[in-house]
Amino acid sequence: MPKQDAIELEGTVSEVLPSASFRVTLVNGHEVLATLGGNMRRFRIRVLAGDRVTLEVSPYDLTRGRITFRHKN
């Protein structure tokens, strides 16, 4: 699947799970299981519970995603 086909959503990290996984609550109330994207791992950007993040979700599986950006506040 090409990268430009991913759906970008915003949410808040509600729970930090083992293996660099996170449970993210979206603005519309849905829960998504997310992992860190490549550049987030590469530059060791820390994500904690309560952080506002942007994530990419595949149109084929809307329950899993990839965190691509952590907002400042």
PDB file of N, CA and C in Angstrom:
ATOM      1  N   MET A   1       0.838  -1.175   0.000  1.00  0.00           N
ATOM      2  CA  MET A   1       0.000   0.000   0.000  1.00  0.00           C
ATOM      3  C   MET A   1       0.881   1.236   0.000  1.00  0.00           C
ATOM      4  N   PRO A   2       0.635   2.184  -0.881  1.00  0.00           N
ATOM      5  CA  PRO A   2       1.426   3.414  -0.885  1.00  0.00           C
ATOM      6  C   PRO A   2       1.212   4.223   0.381  1.00  0.00           C
ATOM      7  N   LYS A   3       2.252   4.943   0.777  1.00  0.00           N
ATOM      8  CA  LYS A   3       2.192   5.703   2.016  1.00  0.00           C
ATOM      9  C   LYS A   3       1.154   6.815   1.961  1.00  0.00           C
ATOM     10  N   GLN A   4       0.911   7.399   0.788  1.00  0.00           N
ATOM     11  CA  GLN A   4      -0.021   8.518   0.708  1.00  0.00           C
ATOM     12  C   GLN A   4      -1.478   8.079   0.888  1.00  0.00           C
ATOM     13  N   ASP A   5      -1.763   6.782   0.915  1.00  0.00           N
ATOM     14  CA  ASP A   5      -3.130   6.308   1.117  1.00  0.00           C
ATOM     15  C   ASP A   5      -3.524   6.227   2.581  1.00  0.00           C
ATOM     16  N   ALA A   6      -2.595   6.473   3.513  1.00  0.00           N
ATOM     17  CA  ALA A   6      -2.898   6.381   4.938  1.00  0.00           C
ATOM     18  C   ALA A   6      -3.780   7.551   5.368  1.00  0.00           C
ATOM     19  N   ILE A   7      -4.608   7.297   6.376  1.00  0.00           N
ATOM     20  CA  ILE A   7      -5.506   8.314   6.920  1.00  0.00           C
ATOM     21  C   ILE A   7      -4.834   8.935   8.131  1.00  0.00           C
ATOM     22  N   GLU A   8      -4.729  10.268   8.166  1.00  0.00           N
ATOM     23  CA  GLU A   8      -4.111  10.952   9.309  1.00  0.00           C
ATOM     24  C   GLU A   8      -5.184  11.378  10.291  1.00  0.00           C
ATOM     25  N   LEU A   9      -4.976  11.024  11.571  1.00  0.00           N
ATOM     26  CA  LEU A   9      -5.916  11.357  12.639  1.00  0.00           C
ATOM     27  C   LEU A   9      -5.150  11.925  13.819  1.00  0.00           C
ATOM     28  N   GLU A  10      -5.862  12.619  14.702  1.00  0.00           N
ATOM     29  CA  GLU A  10      -5.256  13.142  15.924  1.00  0.00           C
ATOM     30  C   GLU A  10      -5.913  12.505  17.125  1.00  0.00           C
ATOM     31  N   GLY A  11      -5.123  12.330  18.177  1.00  0.00           N
ATOM     32  CA  GLY A  11      -5.657  11.737  19.393  1.00  0.00           C
ATOM     33  C   GLY A  11      -4.745  11.996  20.577  1.00  0.00           C
ATOM     34  N   THR A  12      -5.114  11.388  21.699  1.00  0.00           N
ATOM     35  CA  THR A  12      -4.360  11.523  22.933  1.00  0.00           C
ATOM     36  C   THR A  12      -3.953  10.139  23.414  1.00  0.00           C
ATOM     37  N   VAL A  13      -2.702   9.995  23.822  1.00  0.00           N
ATOM     38  CA  VAL A  13      -2.214   8.716  24.330  1.00  0.00           C
ATOM     39  C   VAL A  13      -2.870   8.473  25.684  1.00  0.00           C
ATOM     40  N   SER A  14      -3.621   7.369  25.791  1.00  0.00           N
ATOM     41  CA  SER A  14      -4.310   7.074  27.046  1.00  0.00           C
ATOM     42  C   SER A  14      -3.562   6.047  27.881  1.00  0.00           C
ATOM     43  N   GLU A  15      -2.754   5.194  27.226  1.00  0.00           N
ATOM     44  CA  GLU A  15      -2.058   4.143  27.961  1.00  0.00           C
ATOM     45  C   GLU A  15      -0.770   3.782  27.225  1.00  0.00           C
ATOM     46  N   VAL A  16       0.299   3.576  27.999  1.00  0.00           N
ATOM     47  CA  VAL A  16       1.573   3.130  27.433  1.00  0.00           C
ATOM     48  C   VAL A  16       1.682   1.634  27.690  1.00  0.00           C
ATOM     49  N   LEU A  17       1.885   0.863  26.620  1.00  0.00           N
ATOM     50  CA  LEU A  17       1.951  -0.588  26.699  1.00  0.00           C
ATOM     51  C   LEU A  17       3.380  -1.064  26.433  1.00  0.00           C
ATOM     52  N   PRO A  18       3.705  -2.317  26.751  1.00  0.00           N
ATOM     53  CA  PRO A  18       5.043  -2.840  26.452  1.00  0.00           C
ATOM     54  C   PRO A  18       5.313  -2.891  24.948  1.00  0.00           C
ATOM     55  N   SER A  19       6.569  -3.036  24.590  1.00  0.00           N
ATOM     56  CA  SER A  19       7.024  -3.168  23.199  1.00  0.00           C
ATOM     57  C   SER A  19       6.732  -1.921  22.378  1.00  0.00           C
ATOM     58  N   ALA A  20       6.864  -0.749  22.969  1.00  0.00           N
ATOM     59  CA  ALA A  20       6.673   0.536  22.283  1.00  0.00           C
ATOM     60  C   ALA A  20       5.313   0.638  21.633  1.00  0.00           C
ATOM     61  N   SER A  21       4.293   0.120  22.303  1.00  0.00           N
ATOM     62  CA  SER A  21       2.913   0.234  21.834  1.00  0.00           C
ATOM     63  C   SER A  21       2.163   1.204  22.722  1.00  0.00           C
ATOM     64  N   PHE A  22       1.151   1.821  22.151  1.00  0.00           N
ATOM     65  CA  PHE A  22       0.377   2.828  22.861  1.00  0.00           C
ATOM     66  C   PHE A  22      -1.091   2.662  22.526  1.00  0.00           C
ATOM     67  N   ARG A  23      -1.957   2.907  23.504  1.00  0.00           N
ATOM     68  CA  ARG A  23      -3.385   2.962  23.238  1.00  0.00           C
ATOM     69  C   ARG A  23      -3.743   4.432  23.113  1.00  0.00           C
ATOM     70  N   VAL A  24      -4.273   4.813  21.943  1.00  0.00           N
ATOM     71  CA  VAL A  24      -4.564   6.205  21.639  1.00  0.00           C
ATOM     72  C   VAL A  24      -6.071   6.376  21.515  1.00  0.00           C
ATOM     73  N   THR A  25      -6.602   7.371  22.208  1.00  0.00           N
ATOM     74  CA  THR A  25      -8.010   7.727  22.100  1.00  0.00           C
ATOM     75  C   THR A  25      -8.130   8.867  21.091  1.00  0.00           C
ATOM     76  N   LEU A  26      -8.873   8.640  20.031  1.00  0.00           N
ATOM     77  CA  LEU A  26      -9.030   9.635  18.980  1.00  0.00           C
ATOM     78  C   LEU A  26     -10.016  10.711  19.403  1.00  0.00           C
ATOM     79  N   VAL A  27     -10.063  11.789  18.635  1.00  0.00           N
ATOM     80  CA  VAL A  27     -10.955  12.915  18.926  1.00  0.00           C
ATOM     81  C   VAL A  27     -12.415  12.462  18.896  1.00  0.00           C
ATOM     82  N   ASN A  28     -12.744  11.516  18.006  1.00  0.00           N
ATOM     83  CA  ASN A  28     -14.127  11.049  17.885  1.00  0.00           C
ATOM     84  C   ASN A  28     -14.486   9.971  18.903  1.00  0.00           C
ATOM     85  N   GLY A  29     -13.539   9.588  19.787  1.00  0.00           N
ATOM     86  CA  GLY A  29     -13.823   8.643  20.859  1.00  0.00           C
ATOM     87  C   GLY A  29     -13.367   7.219  20.614  1.00  0.00           C
ATOM     88  N   HIS A  30     -12.920   6.876  19.406  1.00  0.00           N
ATOM     89  CA  HIS A  30     -12.466   5.516  19.121  1.00  0.00           C
ATOM     90  C   HIS A  30     -11.091   5.265  19.732  1.00  0.00           C
ATOM     91  N   GLU A  31     -10.798   3.992  20.008  1.00  0.00           N
ATOM     92  CA  GLU A  31      -9.503   3.585  20.554  1.00  0.00           C
ATOM     93  C   GLU A  31      -8.693   2.913  19.444  1.00  0.00           C
ATOM     94  N   VAL A  32      -7.394   3.243  19.364  1.00  0.00           N
ATOM     95  CA  VAL A  32      -6.504   2.678  18.354  1.00  0.00           C
ATOM     96  C   VAL A  32      -5.252   2.179  19.047  1.00  0.00           C
ATOM     97  N   LEU A  33      -4.754   1.005  18.650  1.00  0.00           N
ATOM     98  CA  LEU A  33      -3.484   0.495  19.133  1.00  0.00           C
ATOM     99  C   LEU A  33      -2.403   0.996  18.174  1.00  0.00           C
ATOM    100  N   ALA A  34      -1.423   1.735  18.688  1.00  0.00           N
ATOM    101  CA  ALA A  34      -0.445   2.387  17.805  1.00  0.00           C
ATOM    102  C   ALA A  34       0.977   2.082  18.245  1.00  0.00           C
ATOM    103  N   THR A  35       1.892   2.114  17.280  1.00  0.00           N
ATOM    104  CA  THR A  35       3.315   1.990  17.543  1.00  0.00           C
ATOM    105  C   THR A  35       3.997   3.258  17.039  1.00  0.00           C
ATOM    106  N   LEU A  36       5.278   3.389  17.327  1.00  0.00           N
ATOM    107  CA  LEU A  36       6.022   4.566  16.881  1.00  0.00           C
ATOM    108  C   LEU A  36       6.437   4.411  15.427  1.00  0.00           C
ATOM    109  N   GLY A  37       6.374   5.505  14.680  1.00  0.00           N
ATOM    110  CA  GLY A  37       6.841   5.512  13.301  1.00  0.00           C
ATOM    111  C   GLY A  37       8.358   5.507  13.236  1.00  0.00           C
ATOM    112  N   GLY A  38       8.896   5.374  12.061  1.00  0.00           N
ATOM    113  CA  GLY A  38      10.334   5.235  11.861  1.00  0.00           C
ATOM    114  C   GLY A  38      11.162   6.390  12.393  1.00  0.00           C
ATOM    115  N   ASN A  39      10.815   7.629  12.040  1.00  0.00           N
ATOM    116  CA  ASN A  39      11.602   8.767  12.511  1.00  0.00           C
ATOM    117  C   ASN A  39      11.442   8.998  14.008  1.00  0.00           C
ATOM    118  N   MET A  40      10.298   8.611  14.573  1.00  0.00           N
ATOM    119  CA  MET A  40      10.103   8.731  16.016  1.00  0.00           C
ATOM    120  C   MET A  40      11.076   7.802  16.748  1.00  0.00           C
ATOM    121  N   ARG A  41      11.276   6.614  16.211  1.00  0.00           N
ATOM    122  CA  ARG A  41      12.245   5.684  16.811  1.00  0.00           C
ATOM    123  C   ARG A  41      13.676   6.155  16.560  1.00  0.00           C
ATOM    124  N   ARG A  42      13.922   6.612  15.351  1.00  0.00           N
ATOM    125  CA  ARG A  42      15.279   7.007  14.953  1.00  0.00           C
ATOM    126  C   ARG A  42      15.819   8.134  15.821  1.00  0.00           C
ATOM    127  N   PHE A  43      14.993   9.141  16.084  1.00  0.00           N
ATOM    128  CA  PHE A  43      15.431  10.288  16.878  1.00  0.00           C
ATOM    129  C   PHE A  43      15.067  10.154  18.352  1.00  0.00           C
ATOM    130  N   ARG A  44      14.589   8.958  18.748  1.00  0.00           N
ATOM    131  CA  ARG A  44      14.268   8.625  20.143  1.00  0.00           C
ATOM    132  C   ARG A  44      13.341   9.654  20.793  1.00  0.00           C
ATOM    133  N   ILE A  45      12.253   9.962  20.127  1.00  0.00           N
ATOM    134  CA  ILE A  45      11.271  10.898  20.663  1.00  0.00           C
ATOM    135  C   ILE A  45      10.393  10.154  21.657  1.00  0.00           C
ATOM    136  N   ARG A  46      10.338  10.663  22.874  1.00  0.00           N
ATOM    137  CA  ARG A  46       9.585  10.017  23.944  1.00  0.00           C
ATOM    138  C   ARG A  46       8.109  10.377  23.840  1.00  0.00           C
ATOM    139  N   VAL A  47       7.258   9.394  24.051  1.00  0.00           N
ATOM    140  CA  VAL A  47       5.817   9.607  24.067  1.00  0.00           C
ATOM    141  C   VAL A  47       5.301   9.072  25.391  1.00  0.00           C
ATOM    142  N   LEU A  48       4.579   9.908  26.122  1.00  0.00           N
ATOM    143  CA  LEU A  48       4.041   9.547  27.425  1.00  0.00           C
ATOM    144  C   LEU A  48       2.518   9.610  27.400  1.00  0.00           C
ATOM    145  N   ALA A  49       1.903   9.037  28.410  1.00  0.00           N
ATOM    146  CA  ALA A  49       0.447   9.098  28.531  1.00  0.00           C
ATOM    147  C   ALA A  49       0.020  10.559  28.684  1.00  0.00           C
ATOM    148  N   GLY A  50      -1.004  10.946  27.957  1.00  0.00           N
ATOM    149  CA  GLY A  50      -1.493  12.314  27.993  1.00  0.00           C
ATOM    150  C   GLY A  50      -0.981  13.180  26.858  1.00  0.00           C
ATOM    151  N   ASP A  51      -0.002  12.705  26.097  1.00  0.00           N
ATOM    152  CA  ASP A  51       0.532  13.476  24.970  1.00  0.00           C
ATOM    153  C   ASP A  51      -0.462  13.484  23.814  1.00  0.00           C
ATOM    154  N   ARG A  52      -0.554  14.616  23.125  1.00  0.00           N
ATOM    155  CA  ARG A  52      -1.369  14.727  21.917  1.00  0.00           C
ATOM    156  C   ARG A  52      -0.516  14.316  20.725  1.00  0.00           C
ATOM    157  N   VAL A  53      -0.986  13.405  19.899  1.00  0.00           N
ATOM    158  CA  VAL A  53      -0.197  12.857  18.798  1.00  0.00           C
ATOM    159  C   VAL A  53      -0.997  12.852  17.508  1.00  0.00           C
ATOM    160  N   THR A  54      -0.258  12.787  16.402  1.00  0.00           N
ATOM    161  CA  THR A  54      -0.848  12.568  15.083  1.00  0.00           C
ATOM    162  C   THR A  54      -0.459  11.164  14.660  1.00  0.00           C
ATOM    163  N   LEU A  55      -1.413  10.415  14.149  1.00  0.00           N
ATOM    164  CA  LEU A  55      -1.094   9.057  13.723  1.00  0.00           C
ATOM    165  C   LEU A  55      -1.681   8.759  12.366  1.00  0.00           C
ATOM    166  N   GLU A  56      -1.060   7.799  11.701  1.00  0.00           N
ATOM    167  CA  GLU A  56      -1.520   7.336  10.394  1.00  0.00           C
ATOM    168  C   GLU A  56      -2.200   5.993  10.589  1.00  0.00           C
ATOM    169  N   VAL A  57      -3.369   5.840   9.979  1.00  0.00           N
ATOM    170  CA  VAL A  57      -4.131   4.609  10.079  1.00  0.00           C
ATOM    171  C   VAL A  57      -4.382   4.083   8.672  1.00  0.00           C
ATOM    172  N   SER A  58      -4.212   2.786   8.490  1.00  0.00           N
ATOM    173  CA  SER A  58      -4.486   2.172   7.203  1.00  0.00           C
ATOM    174  C   SER A  58      -5.988   2.096   6.970  1.00  0.00           C
ATOM    175  N   PRO A  59      -6.443   2.339   5.755  1.00  0.00           N
ATOM    176  CA  PRO A  59      -7.882   2.218   5.490  1.00  0.00           C
ATOM    177  C   PRO A  59      -8.384   0.777   5.605  1.00  0.00           C
ATOM    178  N   TYR A  60      -7.480  -0.201   5.617  1.00  0.00           N
ATOM    179  CA  TYR A  60      -7.865  -1.604   5.696  1.00  0.00           C
ATOM    180  C   TYR A  60      -8.072  -2.076   7.131  1.00  0.00           C
ATOM    181  N   ASP A  61      -7.335  -1.492   8.087  1.00  0.00           N
ATOM    182  CA  ASP A  61      -7.464  -1.871   9.494  1.00  0.00           C
ATOM    183  C   ASP A  61      -7.477  -0.593  10.322  1.00  0.00           C
ATOM    184  N   LEU A  62      -8.653  -0.170  10.741  1.00  0.00           N
ATOM    185  CA  LEU A  62      -8.794   1.097  11.453  1.00  0.00           C
ATOM    186  C   LEU A  62      -8.525   0.968  12.948  1.00  0.00           C
ATOM    187  N   THR A  63      -8.106  -0.210  13.424  1.00  0.00           N
ATOM    188  CA  THR A  63      -7.844  -0.397  14.849  1.00  0.00           C
ATOM    189  C   THR A  63      -6.366  -0.302  15.181  1.00  0.00           C
ATOM    190  N   ARG A  64      -5.502  -0.195  14.169  1.00  0.00           N
ATOM    191  CA  ARG A  64      -4.058  -0.111  14.392  1.00  0.00           C
ATOM    192  C   ARG A  64      -3.499   1.087  13.650  1.00  0.00           C
ATOM    193  N   GLY A  65      -2.449   1.699  14.217  1.00  0.00           N
ATOM    194  CA  GLY A  65      -1.887   2.871  13.573  1.00  0.00           C
ATOM    195  C   GLY A  65      -0.415   3.049  13.884  1.00  0.00           C
ATOM    196  N   ARG A  66       0.151   4.119  13.343  1.00  0.00           N
ATOM    197  CA  ARG A  66       1.565   4.449  13.495  1.00  0.00           C
ATOM    198  C   ARG A  66       1.652   5.912  13.920  1.00  0.00           C
ATOM    199  N   ILE A  67       2.281   6.167  15.059  1.00  0.00           N
ATOM    200  CA  ILE A  67       2.429   7.546  15.551  1.00  0.00           C
ATOM    201  C   ILE A  67       3.528   8.219  14.741  1.00  0.00           C
ATOM    202  N   THR A  68       3.192   9.375  14.148  1.00  0.00           N
ATOM    203  CA  THR A  68       4.162  10.068  13.301  1.00  0.00           C
ATOM    204  C   THR A  68       4.599  11.410  13.855  1.00  0.00           C
ATOM    205  N   PHE A  69       3.854  11.969  14.834  1.00  0.00           N
ATOM    206  CA  PHE A  69       4.204  13.290  15.349  1.00  0.00           C
ATOM    207  C   PHE A  69       3.658  13.451  16.759  1.00  0.00           C
ATOM    208  N   ARG A  70       4.474  14.020  17.658  1.00  0.00           N
ATOM    209  CA  ARG A  70       4.029  14.359  19.006  1.00  0.00           C
ATOM    210  C   ARG A  70       3.943  15.862  19.104  1.00  0.00           C
ATOM    211  N   HIS A  71       2.765  16.376  19.448  1.00  0.00           N
ATOM    212  CA  HIS A  71       2.558  17.819  19.532  1.00  0.00           C
ATOM    213  C   HIS A  71       3.202  18.377  20.798  1.00  0.00           C
ATOM    214  N   LYS A  72       3.502  19.649  20.768  1.00  0.00           N
ATOM    215  CA  LYS A  72       4.235  20.287  21.861  1.00  0.00           C
ATOM    216  C   LYS A  72       3.476  20.318  23.177  1.00  0.00           C
ATOM    217  N   ASN A  73       2.162  20.573  23.143  1.00  0.00           N
ATOM    218  CA  ASN A  73       1.418  20.671  24.402  1.00  0.00           C
ATOM    219  C   ASN A  73       0.272  19.720  24.453  1.00  0.00           C
TER     220      ASN A  73
END
